[in-house]
Amino acid sequence: MTIAGSDSGGGAGIQADLKTFSALGVYGTSALTAITAQNTRGVFAIEAVSPAVVSAQIAAVLADIPPQAIKIGMLASPEIVAAVAAALRDYAGPVVLDPVMVAKSGDALLAKEAETALIEALLPRADVLTPNLPEAARLLGRDAARDIQETEAQGRALLGLGARAVVMKGGHAEGPSCIDLLVTSSGVMAMEQPRLSTDNTHGTGCSLSSAIAAELAKEADLPDAVRRAQEWLHGAIRAADGLGLGGGHGPVHHFHEVWR
């Protein structure tokens, strides 16, 4: 199940999550938190769904199609954060939290006052937190990590805020390789892929967190789930230029292993 906002351009949010679930062989359900008017060039309007309707969507799915894993993305407001936290109070499965704050275009997707609510109400509920380097820094009130040592230290600091595991995404770092770190109380696992030169990276964060949730739903253990998700996303980025969509940051190719 994905709990997230909509992207009318189809590259991120609920649309990317459901494409990811389908590409990886699991059935996806959803609870919509916000509607955005956006394309590859930017976000032009945002309208949050009422917290009551967000709660009702989650309750309806949990009552009839209980998910093996839940991914949480864009939450927009502190009231929606509170509604999601309350709706999942009795859910016992794994939760992957992607702290969506800013779109690839630079447009804000989370109200500033919602950040505290996210930290207090949902971070302790996250079995896996998947921030990029700017998001991790914002959650901690620090500057963005400049090297692998600072990245690991910030991952450990986020464990201290309550997350059970943290995937520190290296897409915003520099260098010939993209290194993601899986940080847990028992250690750190580094996963490395060659850095790809492309502007078509819209929805990478949404897609990675959804891929991790999909692999957890298939009962992979956490290190294998994260490794498989990263390898799949690397393929989706590598194939992204072949889609040729839009004039800005285009989407990754979720169905690169399926379409011919």
C-alpha atoms as a PDB file:
ATOM      1  CA  MET A   1       0.000   0.000   0.000  1.00  0.00           C
ATOM      2  CA  THR A   2       1.153   3.520  -0.751  1.00  0.00           C
ATOM      3  CA  ILE A   3       0.043   6.570   1.226  1.00  0.00           C
ATOM      4  CA  ALA A   4       1.185   9.552  -0.818  1.00  0.00           C
ATOM      5  CA  GLY A   5       0.321  12.447  -3.114  1.00  0.00           C
ATOM      6  CA  SER A   6      -0.608  12.349  -6.771  1.00  0.00           C
ATOM      7  CA  ASP A   7       1.653  13.464  -9.622  1.00  0.00           C
ATOM      8  CA  SER A   8      -0.363  14.402 -12.709  1.00  0.00           C
ATOM      9  CA  GLY A   9       2.790  13.903 -14.802  1.00  0.00           C
ATOM     10  CA  GLY A  10       2.929  10.262 -13.727  1.00  0.00           C
ATOM     11  CA  GLY A  11       6.606  10.209 -12.756  1.00  0.00           C
ATOM     12  CA  ALA A  12       6.463  10.441  -8.965  1.00  0.00           C
ATOM     13  CA  GLY A  13       4.029  10.045  -6.072  1.00  0.00           C
ATOM     14  CA  ILE A  14       1.156   7.558  -6.126  1.00  0.00           C
ATOM     15  CA  GLN A  15       1.598   6.958  -9.847  1.00  0.00           C
ATOM     16  CA  ALA A  16       5.271   6.025  -9.505  1.00  0.00           C
ATOM     17  CA  ASP A  17       4.521   3.882  -6.463  1.00  0.00           C
ATOM     18  CA  LEU A  18       1.840   1.846  -8.220  1.00  0.00           C
ATOM     19  CA  LYS A  19       4.023   1.439 -11.318  1.00  0.00           C
ATOM     20  CA  THR A  20       6.859   0.221  -9.098  1.00  0.00           C
ATOM     21  CA  PHE A  21       4.619  -2.263  -7.293  1.00  0.00           C
ATOM     22  CA  SER A  22       3.375  -3.626 -10.629  1.00  0.00           C
ATOM     23  CA  ALA A  23       6.863  -3.813 -12.130  1.00  0.00           C
ATOM     24  CA  LEU A  24       8.074  -5.823  -9.131  1.00  0.00           C
ATOM     25  CA  GLY A  25       5.149  -8.223  -9.106  1.00  0.00           C
ATOM     26  CA  VAL A  26       3.017  -7.109  -6.167  1.00  0.00           C
ATOM     27  CA  TYR A  27      -0.546  -5.763  -6.065  1.00  0.00           C
ATOM     28  CA  GLY A  28      -0.748  -2.106  -5.060  1.00  0.00           C
ATOM     29  CA  THR A  29      -3.417  -0.258  -3.084  1.00  0.00           C
ATOM     30  CA  SER A  30      -3.356   3.433  -2.218  1.00  0.00           C
ATOM     31  CA  ALA A  31      -4.497   6.286  -0.009  1.00  0.00           C
ATOM     32  CA  LEU A  32      -4.241   9.712  -1.634  1.00  0.00           C
ATOM     33  CA  THR A  33      -3.019  12.568   0.575  1.00  0.00           C
ATOM     34  CA  ALA A  34      -2.791  15.428  -1.921  1.00  0.00           C
ATOM     35  CA  ILE A  35      -3.428  16.294  -5.549  1.00  0.00           C
ATOM     36  CA  THR A  36      -0.679  18.121  -7.412  1.00  0.00           C
ATOM     37  CA  ALA A  37      -0.683  19.751 -10.823  1.00  0.00           C
ATOM     38  CA  GLN A  38       2.801  19.027 -12.117  1.00  0.00           C
ATOM     39  CA  ASN A  39       4.854  17.856 -15.055  1.00  0.00           C
ATOM     40  CA  THR A  40       8.559  17.374 -15.720  1.00  0.00           C
ATOM     41  CA  ARG A  41       9.155  21.135 -15.417  1.00  0.00           C
ATOM     42  CA  GLY A  42       7.581  21.916 -12.044  1.00  0.00           C
ATOM     43  CA  VAL A  43       4.704  21.858  -9.571  1.00  0.00           C
ATOM     44  CA  PHE A  44       1.963  24.381 -10.327  1.00  0.00           C
ATOM     45  CA  ALA A  45      -0.728  23.661  -7.729  1.00  0.00           C
ATOM     46  CA  ILE A  46      -1.223  21.526  -4.617  1.00  0.00           C
ATOM     47  CA  GLU A  47      -4.476  20.692  -2.865  1.00  0.00           C
ATOM     48  CA  ALA A  48      -4.392  18.512   0.234  1.00  0.00           C
ATOM     49  CA  VAL A  49      -7.043  15.853   0.794  1.00  0.00           C
ATOM     50  CA  SER A  50      -8.959  16.253   4.062  1.00  0.00           C
ATOM     51  CA  PRO A  51      -7.475  14.247   6.947  1.00  0.00           C
ATOM     52  CA  ALA A  52     -10.830  12.502   7.438  1.00  0.00           C
ATOM     53  CA  VAL A  53     -10.798  11.205   3.853  1.00  0.00           C
ATOM     54  CA  VAL A  54      -7.146  10.145   4.177  1.00  0.00           C
ATOM     55  CA  SER A  55      -8.080   8.161   7.294  1.00  0.00           C
ATOM     56  CA  ALA A  56     -11.104   6.640   5.569  1.00  0.00           C
ATOM     57  CA  GLN A  57      -9.015   5.446   2.611  1.00  0.00           C
ATOM     58  CA  ILE A  58      -6.491   3.755   4.878  1.00  0.00           C
ATOM     59  CA  ALA A  59      -9.210   2.146   7.011  1.00  0.00           C
ATOM     60  CA  ALA A  60     -11.024   0.823   3.941  1.00  0.00           C
ATOM     61  CA  VAL A  61      -7.896  -0.875   2.606  1.00  0.00           C
ATOM     62  CA  LEU A  62      -6.785  -2.278   5.961  1.00  0.00           C
ATOM     63  CA  ALA A  63     -10.230  -3.758   6.571  1.00  0.00           C
ATOM     64  CA  ASP A  64     -10.465  -5.670   3.305  1.00  0.00           C
ATOM     65  CA  ILE A  65      -7.065  -5.889   1.549  1.00  0.00           C
ATOM     66  CA  PRO A  66      -4.503  -5.880   4.382  1.00  0.00           C
ATOM     67  CA  PRO A  67      -1.083  -5.004   2.923  1.00  0.00           C
ATOM     68  CA  GLN A  68       2.125  -6.919   3.582  1.00  0.00           C
ATOM     69  CA  ALA A  69       4.023  -3.597   3.620  1.00  0.00           C
ATOM     70  CA  ILE A  70       3.188   0.110   3.539  1.00  0.00           C
ATOM     71  CA  LYS A  71       5.101   2.951   1.917  1.00  0.00           C
ATOM     72  CA  ILE A  72       4.450   6.526   3.080  1.00  0.00           C
ATOM     73  CA  GLY A  73       5.390   9.476   0.881  1.00  0.00           C
ATOM     74  CA  MET A  74       4.052  13.041   0.551  1.00  0.00           C
ATOM     75  CA  LEU A  75       1.940  14.088   3.543  1.00  0.00           C
ATOM     76  CA  ALA A  76       1.559  17.847   2.926  1.00  0.00           C
ATOM     77  CA  SER A  77       0.282  19.026   6.338  1.00  0.00           C
ATOM     78  CA  PRO A  78       0.623  18.304  10.084  1.00  0.00           C
ATOM     79  CA  GLU A  79      -3.045  17.270  10.194  1.00  0.00           C
ATOM     80  CA  ILE A  80      -2.466  14.606   7.548  1.00  0.00           C
ATOM     81  CA  VAL A  81       0.648  13.390   9.370  1.00  0.00           C
ATOM     82  CA  ALA A  82      -1.451  12.973  12.530  1.00  0.00           C
ATOM     83  CA  ALA A  83      -4.245  11.223  10.619  1.00  0.00           C
ATOM     84  CA  VAL A  84      -1.838   8.720   9.055  1.00  0.00           C
ATOM     85  CA  ALA A  85      -0.112   8.016  12.371  1.00  0.00           C
ATOM     86  CA  ALA A  86      -3.477   7.361  14.036  1.00  0.00           C
ATOM     87  CA  ALA A  87      -4.744   5.180  11.180  1.00  0.00           C
ATOM     88  CA  LEU A  88      -1.659   2.957  11.372  1.00  0.00           C
ATOM     89  CA  ARG A  89      -1.633   2.628  15.152  1.00  0.00           C
ATOM     90  CA  ASP A  90      -2.619  -1.047  15.053  1.00  0.00           C
ATOM     91  CA  TYR A  91      -0.834  -1.987  11.821  1.00  0.00           C
ATOM     92  CA  ALA A  92       1.897  -4.537  12.533  1.00  0.00           C
ATOM     93  CA  GLY A  93       3.585  -4.843   9.135  1.00  0.00           C
ATOM     94  CA  PRO A  94       6.692  -3.046   7.870  1.00  0.00           C
ATOM     95  CA  VAL A  95       6.441   0.678   7.127  1.00  0.00           C
ATOM     96  CA  VAL A  96       8.801   2.431   4.696  1.00  0.00           C
ATOM     97  CA  LEU A  97       8.800   6.209   5.217  1.00  0.00           C
ATOM     98  CA  ASP A  98      10.083   8.462   2.442  1.00  0.00           C
ATOM     99  CA  PRO A  99      10.262  11.981   3.963  1.00  0.00           C
ATOM    100  CA  VAL A 100       9.119  13.821   0.826  1.00  0.00           C
ATOM    101  CA  MET A 101       9.850  17.523   1.324  1.00  0.00           C
ATOM    102  CA  VAL A 102      10.877  18.993  -2.021  1.00  0.00           C
ATOM    103  CA  ALA A 103      10.108  17.967  -5.609  1.00  0.00           C
ATOM    104  CA  LYS A 104      12.880  17.391  -8.160  1.00  0.00           C
ATOM    105  CA  SER A 105      11.996  20.831  -9.565  1.00  0.00           C
ATOM    106  CA  GLY A 106      12.713  22.452  -6.179  1.00  0.00           C
ATOM    107  CA  ASP A 107       9.046  23.046  -5.268  1.00  0.00           C
ATOM    108  CA  ALA A 108       8.091  22.450  -1.601  1.00  0.00           C
ATOM    109  CA  LEU A 109       5.808  19.456  -0.980  1.00  0.00           C
ATOM    110  CA  LEU A 110       5.702  19.478   2.842  1.00  0.00           C
ATOM    111  CA  ALA A 111       4.609  22.466   4.905  1.00  0.00           C
ATOM    112  CA  LYS A 112       7.355  23.642   7.260  1.00  0.00           C
ATOM    113  CA  GLU A 113       5.110  23.173  10.294  1.00  0.00           C
ATOM    114  CA  ALA A 114       4.534  19.538   9.262  1.00  0.00           C
ATOM    115  CA  GLU A 115       8.211  18.625   9.654  1.00  0.00           C
ATOM    116  CA  THR A 116       8.011  18.521  13.459  1.00  0.00           C
ATOM    117  CA  ALA A 117       4.866  16.386  13.276  1.00  0.00           C
ATOM    118  CA  LEU A 118       6.616  14.003  10.884  1.00  0.00           C
ATOM    119  CA  ILE A 119       9.593  13.645  13.225  1.00  0.00           C
ATOM    120  CA  GLU A 120       7.491  13.140  16.336  1.00  0.00           C
ATOM    121  CA  ALA A 121       4.590  11.064  15.040  1.00  0.00           C
ATOM    122  CA  LEU A 122       5.915   8.961  12.148  1.00  0.00           C
ATOM    123  CA  LEU A 123       9.691   8.648  12.404  1.00  0.00           C
ATOM    124  CA  PRO A 124       9.375   6.277  15.405  1.00  0.00           C
ATOM    125  CA  ARG A 125       6.878   4.232  13.357  1.00  0.00           C
ATOM    126  CA  ALA A 126       9.271   3.782  10.421  1.00  0.00           C
ATOM    127  CA  ASP A 127      10.887   0.389   9.960  1.00  0.00           C
ATOM    128  CA  VAL A 128      12.852   1.971   7.105  1.00  0.00           C
ATOM    129  CA  LEU A 129      13.447   5.710   6.566  1.00  0.00           C
ATOM    130  CA  THR A 130      14.704   6.685   3.091  1.00  0.00           C
ATOM    131  CA  PRO A 131      15.965  10.302   3.050  1.00  0.00           C
ATOM    132  CA  ASN A 132      18.201  11.854   0.442  1.00  0.00           C
ATOM    133  CA  LEU A 133      21.077  13.917   1.833  1.00  0.00           C
ATOM    134  CA  PRO A 134      19.210  17.280   1.904  1.00  0.00           C
ATOM    135  CA  GLU A 135      16.183  15.651   3.571  1.00  0.00           C
ATOM    136  CA  ALA A 136      18.344  13.967   6.211  1.00  0.00           C
ATOM    137  CA  ALA A 137      20.054  17.269   6.976  1.00  0.00           C
ATOM    138  CA  ARG A 138      16.696  19.060   7.239  1.00  0.00           C
ATOM    139  CA  LEU A 139      15.304  16.448   9.620  1.00  0.00           C
ATOM    140  CA  LEU A 140      18.373  16.835  11.828  1.00  0.00           C
ATOM    141  CA  GLY A 141      18.782  20.606  11.546  1.00  0.00           C
ATOM    142  CA  ARG A 142      22.281  20.200  10.099  1.00  0.00           C
ATOM    143  CA  ASP A 143      24.151  20.953   6.892  1.00  0.00           C
ATOM    144  CA  ALA A 144      24.003  18.263   4.228  1.00  0.00           C
ATOM    145  CA  ALA A 145      26.591  15.508   4.569  1.00  0.00           C
ATOM    146  CA  ARG A 146      29.734  16.173   2.526  1.00  0.00           C
ATOM    147  CA  ASP A 147      31.348  12.741   2.607  1.00  0.00           C
ATOM    148  CA  ILE A 148      30.599   9.123   3.428  1.00  0.00           C
ATOM    149  CA  GLN A 149      31.607   9.539   7.080  1.00  0.00           C
ATOM    150  CA  GLU A 150      29.151  12.407   7.612  1.00  0.00           C
ATOM    151  CA  THR A 151      26.486  10.450   5.732  1.00  0.00           C
ATOM    152  CA  GLU A 152      26.904   7.508   8.099  1.00  0.00           C
ATOM    153  CA  ALA A 153      26.878   9.795  11.145  1.00  0.00           C
ATOM    154  CA  GLN A 154      23.621  11.414  10.033  1.00  0.00           C
ATOM    155  CA  GLY A 155      22.103   8.003   9.420  1.00  0.00           C
ATOM    156  CA  ARG A 156      22.947   7.005  12.981  1.00  0.00           C
ATOM    157  CA  ALA A 157      21.496  10.278  14.257  1.00  0.00           C
ATOM    158  CA  LEU A 158      18.218   9.482  12.485  1.00  0.00           C
ATOM    159  CA  LEU A 159      18.186   6.090  14.207  1.00  0.00           C
ATOM    160  CA  GLY A 160      18.350   8.108  17.410  1.00  0.00           C
ATOM    161  CA  LEU A 161      15.087   9.834  16.424  1.00  0.00           C
ATOM    162  CA  GLY A 162      13.316   6.481  16.366  1.00  0.00           C
ATOM    163  CA  ALA A 163      13.644   4.961  12.885  1.00  0.00           C
ATOM    164  CA  ARG A 164      14.598   1.269  13.019  1.00  0.00           C
ATOM    165  CA  ALA A 165      16.701   1.474   9.849  1.00  0.00           C
ATOM    166  CA  VAL A 166      17.786   4.300   7.568  1.00  0.00           C
ATOM    167  CA  VAL A 167      18.696   4.188   3.880  1.00  0.00           C
ATOM    168  CA  MET A 168      20.852   7.272   3.247  1.00  0.00           C
ATOM    169  CA  LYS A 169      20.528   7.857  -0.490  1.00  0.00           C
ATOM    170  CA  GLY A 170      23.647   9.089  -2.264  1.00  0.00           C
ATOM    171  CA  GLY A 171      22.082  10.603  -5.361  1.00  0.00           C
ATOM    172  CA  HIS A 172      22.869  14.177  -4.262  1.00  0.00           C
ATOM    173  CA  ALA A 173      26.520  13.398  -3.535  1.00  0.00           C
ATOM    174  CA  GLU A 174      29.328  13.762  -6.059  1.00  0.00           C
ATOM    175  CA  GLY A 175      31.770  11.321  -7.611  1.00  0.00           C
ATOM    176  CA  PRO A 176      31.720   8.536 -10.195  1.00  0.00           C
ATOM    177  CA  SER A 177      29.691   6.200  -7.966  1.00  0.00           C
ATOM    178  CA  CYS A 178      26.351   6.562  -6.217  1.00  0.00           C
ATOM    179  CA  ILE A 179      26.633   5.014  -2.768  1.00  0.00           C
ATOM    180  CA  ASP A 180      23.559   4.316  -0.630  1.00  0.00           C
ATOM    181  CA  LEU A 181      24.084   3.371   3.005  1.00  0.00           C
ATOM    182  CA  LEU A 182      21.777   1.058   4.942  1.00  0.00           C
ATOM    183  CA  VAL A 183      22.287   2.080   8.561  1.00  0.00           C
ATOM    184  CA  THR A 184      20.913  -0.081  11.375  1.00  0.00           C
ATOM    185  CA  SER A 185      21.727  -0.609  15.037  1.00  0.00           C
ATOM    186  CA  SER A 186      23.775  -3.660  14.041  1.00  0.00           C
ATOM    187  CA  GLY A 187      25.940  -1.974  11.411  1.00  0.00           C
ATOM    188  CA  VAL A 188      26.234  -0.250   8.051  1.00  0.00           C
ATOM    189  CA  MET A 189      25.935  -1.765   4.579  1.00  0.00           C
ATOM    190  CA  ALA A 190      27.140   0.222   1.564  1.00  0.00           C
ATOM    191  CA  MET A 191      25.563  -0.360  -1.855  1.00  0.00           C
ATOM    192  CA  GLU A 192      27.333   1.156  -4.847  1.00  0.00           C
ATOM    193  CA  GLN A 193      26.293   1.716  -8.458  1.00  0.00           C
ATOM    194  CA  PRO A 194      27.971   3.728 -11.239  1.00  0.00           C
ATOM    195  CA  ARG A 195      26.603   7.292 -11.302  1.00  0.00           C
ATOM    196  CA  LEU A 196      24.557   7.801 -14.469  1.00  0.00           C
ATOM    197  CA  SER A 197      24.546  11.038 -16.454  1.00  0.00           C
ATOM    198  CA  THR A 198      20.881  11.891 -17.128  1.00  0.00           C
ATOM    199  CA  ASP A 199      18.332  14.598 -16.358  1.00  0.00           C
ATOM    200  CA  ASN A 200      15.576  11.996 -16.213  1.00  0.00           C
ATOM    201  CA  THR A 201      15.516  11.254 -12.498  1.00  0.00           C
ATOM    202  CA  HIS A 202      12.038  12.467 -11.530  1.00  0.00           C
ATOM    203  CA  GLY A 203      10.491  10.108  -8.979  1.00  0.00           C
ATOM    204  CA  THR A 204      13.647   8.248  -8.013  1.00  0.00           C
ATOM    205  CA  GLY A 205      13.023   8.657  -4.276  1.00  0.00           C
ATOM    206  CA  CYS A 206       9.382   7.578  -4.511  1.00  0.00           C
ATOM    207  CA  SER A 207      10.315   4.616  -6.659  1.00  0.00           C
ATOM    208  CA  LEU A 208      13.147   3.393  -4.415  1.00  0.00           C
ATOM    209  CA  SER A 209      11.039   3.485  -1.253  1.00  0.00           C
ATOM    210  CA  SER A 210       8.199   1.699  -3.073  1.00  0.00           C
ATOM    211  CA  ALA A 211      10.611  -0.919  -4.398  1.00  0.00           C
ATOM    212  CA  ILE A 212      11.883  -1.587  -0.863  1.00  0.00           C
ATOM    213  CA  ALA A 213       8.277  -1.948   0.343  1.00  0.00           C
ATOM    214  CA  ALA A 214       7.510  -4.326  -2.545  1.00  0.00           C
ATOM    215  CA  GLU A 215      10.493  -6.539  -1.715  1.00  0.00           C
ATOM    216  CA  LEU A 216       9.572  -6.555   1.985  1.00  0.00           C
ATOM    217  CA  ALA A 217       6.032  -7.569   0.987  1.00  0.00           C
ATOM    218  CA  LYS A 218       7.616 -10.523  -0.829  1.00  0.00           C
ATOM    219  CA  GLU A 219       9.274 -11.415   2.494  1.00  0.00           C
ATOM    220  CA  ALA A 220      12.844 -10.472   1.591  1.00  0.00           C
ATOM    221  CA  ASP A 221      14.979  -9.604   4.582  1.00  0.00           C
ATOM    222  CA  LEU A 222      15.891  -5.923   4.863  1.00  0.00           C
ATOM    223  CA  PRO A 223      19.425  -5.993   3.357  1.00  0.00           C
ATOM    224  CA  ASP A 224      18.226  -8.044   0.378  1.00  0.00           C
ATOM    225  CA  ALA A 225      15.154  -5.827  -0.072  1.00  0.00           C
ATOM    226  CA  VAL A 226      17.266  -2.670  -0.167  1.00  0.00           C
ATOM    227  CA  ARG A 227      19.884  -4.220  -2.459  1.00  0.00           C
ATOM    228  CA  ARG A 228      17.292  -5.513  -4.926  1.00  0.00           C
ATOM    229  CA  ALA A 229      15.452  -2.177  -4.891  1.00  0.00           C
ATOM    230  CA  GLN A 230      18.643  -0.235  -5.606  1.00  0.00           C
ATOM    231  CA  GLU A 231      19.622  -2.551  -8.470  1.00  0.00           C
ATOM    232  CA  TRP A 232      16.143  -2.288 -10.012  1.00  0.00           C
ATOM    233  CA  LEU A 233      16.107   1.510  -9.709  1.00  0.00           C
ATOM    234  CA  HIS A 234      19.560   1.760 -11.304  1.00  0.00           C
ATOM    235  CA  GLY A 235      18.151  -0.092 -14.310  1.00  0.00           C
ATOM    236  CA  ALA A 236      15.130   2.219 -14.399  1.00  0.00           C
ATOM    237  CA  ILE A 237      17.394   5.292 -14.406  1.00  0.00           C
ATOM    238  CA  ARG A 238      19.694   3.788 -17.041  1.00  0.00           C
ATOM    239  CA  ALA A 239      16.689   3.245 -19.351  1.00  0.00           C
ATOM    240  CA  ALA A 240      15.020   6.595 -18.584  1.00  0.00           C
ATOM    241  CA  ASP A 241      16.395   8.524 -21.560  1.00  0.00           C
ATOM    242  CA  GLY A 242      14.672   6.060 -23.863  1.00  0.00           C
ATOM    243  CA  LEU A 243      11.251   7.335 -22.782  1.00  0.00           C
ATOM    244  CA  GLY A 244      11.916  10.881 -24.029  1.00  0.00           C
ATOM    245  CA  LEU A 245       9.111  12.438 -21.988  1.00  0.00           C
ATOM    246  CA  GLY A 246       8.758  16.158 -21.189  1.00  0.00           C
ATOM    247  CA  GLY A 247      11.137  19.062 -21.360  1.00  0.00           C
ATOM    248  CA  GLY A 248      12.424  19.031 -17.783  1.00  0.00           C
ATOM    249  CA  HIS A 249      13.343  16.261 -15.331  1.00  0.00           C
ATOM    250  CA  GLY A 250      11.737  13.251 -16.991  1.00  0.00           C
ATOM    251  CA  PRO A 251      10.642  10.078 -15.179  1.00  0.00           C
ATOM    252  CA  VAL A 252      12.605   6.898 -14.736  1.00  0.00           C
ATOM    253  CA  HIS A 253      11.540   3.857 -16.776  1.00  0.00           C
ATOM    254  CA  HIS A 254       9.633   1.752 -14.248  1.00  0.00           C
ATOM    255  CA  PHE A 255       8.908  -0.986 -16.791  1.00  0.00           C
ATOM    256  CA  HIS A 256      12.416  -1.313 -18.223  1.00  0.00           C
ATOM    257  CA  GLU A 257      12.359  -5.038 -17.449  1.00  0.00           C
ATOM    258  CA  VAL A 258       8.887  -5.535 -18.957  1.00  0.00           C
ATOM    259  CA  TRP A 259       8.386  -3.366 -22.041  1.00  0.00           C
ATOM    260  CA  ARG A 260       9.931  -4.415 -25.336  1.00  0.00           C
END
